[in-house]
């Protein structure tokens, strides 16, 4: 799994809008929901990438097995 850590350093006396953390958490929830949906819709026999032959062009779209929106929030 790919993870992107967001470290927020707040200097003494500065202000921080907590709505930003809420937006990160909403994005993380959406990422997990979308990944679950894509896995449930993927056809088992569907190849994970297009054929390597450049002469045959296919209009079929290949779904990834996992979708990553790298948003993980850790607070220190």
Protein backbone atom coordinates (compact mmCIF):
# COMPACT_ATOMS: atom_id res chain seq x y z
CA UNK A 1 0.00 0.00 0.00
CA UNK A 2 1.24 3.48 -0.83
CA UNK A 3 1.04 6.00 1.96
CA UNK A 4 1.67 9.72 1.95
CA UNK A 5 2.18 11.17 5.40
CA UNK A 6 1.16 14.75 5.92
CA UNK A 7 3.08 16.42 8.72
CA UNK A 8 1.73 19.75 9.87
CA UNK A 9 4.10 21.87 11.91
CA UNK A 10 2.42 24.70 13.75
CA UNK A 11 4.55 27.40 15.29
CA UNK A 12 3.62 28.82 18.66
CA UNK A 13 1.23 31.73 18.32
CA UNK A 14 0.03 30.79 14.83
CA UNK A 15 -3.49 29.68 13.97
CA UNK A 16 -4.49 26.48 12.20
CA UNK A 17 -7.82 25.86 10.49
CA UNK A 18 -9.05 22.44 11.65
CA UNK A 19 -11.29 22.27 8.57
CA UNK A 20 -8.16 21.25 6.65
CA UNK A 21 -7.83 18.07 8.75
CA UNK A 22 -11.51 17.31 8.18
CA UNK A 23 -10.96 17.62 4.42
CA UNK A 24 -8.03 15.18 4.58
CA UNK A 25 -10.17 12.69 6.49
CA UNK A 26 -13.04 13.01 4.00
CA UNK A 27 -10.56 12.43 1.14
CA UNK A 28 -9.18 9.35 2.88
CA UNK A 29 -12.69 7.94 3.39
CA UNK A 30 -13.51 8.55 -0.28
CA UNK A 31 -10.29 6.80 -1.32
CA UNK A 32 -11.18 3.69 0.68
CA UNK A 33 -14.74 3.64 -0.65
CA UNK A 34 -13.64 4.06 -4.27
CA UNK A 35 -10.98 1.36 -3.96
CA UNK A 36 -13.55 -1.08 -2.56
CA UNK A 37 -15.98 -0.23 -5.36
CA UNK A 38 -13.36 -0.70 -8.10
CA UNK A 39 -12.32 -4.08 -6.65
CA UNK A 40 -15.95 -5.22 -6.54
CA UNK A 41 -16.53 -4.18 -10.17
CA UNK A 42 -13.34 -5.70 -11.61
CA UNK A 43 -13.92 -8.76 -13.76
CA UNK A 44 -11.71 -11.69 -12.62
CA UNK A 45 -10.59 -12.60 -16.17
CA UNK A 46 -9.76 -9.04 -17.20
CA UNK A 47 -6.04 -8.51 -17.90
CA UNK A 48 -4.34 -5.91 -15.73
CA UNK A 49 -2.70 -4.18 -18.72
CA UNK A 50 -3.27 -3.90 -22.47
CA UNK A 51 -1.61 -6.37 -24.87
CA UNK A 52 2.00 -5.51 -25.69
CA UNK A 53 1.44 -5.74 -29.45
CA UNK A 54 1.46 -2.23 -30.91
CA UNK A 55 -0.27 -3.36 -34.12
CA UNK A 56 -3.53 -4.29 -32.38
CA UNK A 57 -5.29 -1.34 -30.82
CA UNK A 58 -8.09 -2.18 -28.43
CA UNK A 59 -10.78 0.21 -27.25
CA UNK A 60 -11.29 -1.81 -24.06
CA UNK A 61 -10.46 0.03 -20.87
CA UNK A 62 -8.61 -1.95 -18.25
CA UNK A 63 -9.53 -1.33 -14.63
CA UNK A 64 -6.73 -1.19 -12.08
CA UNK A 65 -6.91 -3.69 -9.27
CA UNK A 66 -6.40 -0.94 -6.71
CA UNK A 67 -6.91 2.79 -6.81
CA UNK A 68 -4.71 4.91 -4.58
CA UNK A 69 -5.44 8.41 -3.45
CA UNK A 70 -2.47 8.77 -1.13
CA UNK A 71 -4.01 10.60 1.78
CA UNK A 72 -3.20 9.37 5.24
CA UNK A 73 -3.20 11.87 8.08
CA UNK A 74 -1.10 11.53 11.21
CA UNK A 75 -1.07 14.17 13.90
CA UNK A 76 1.81 14.53 16.27
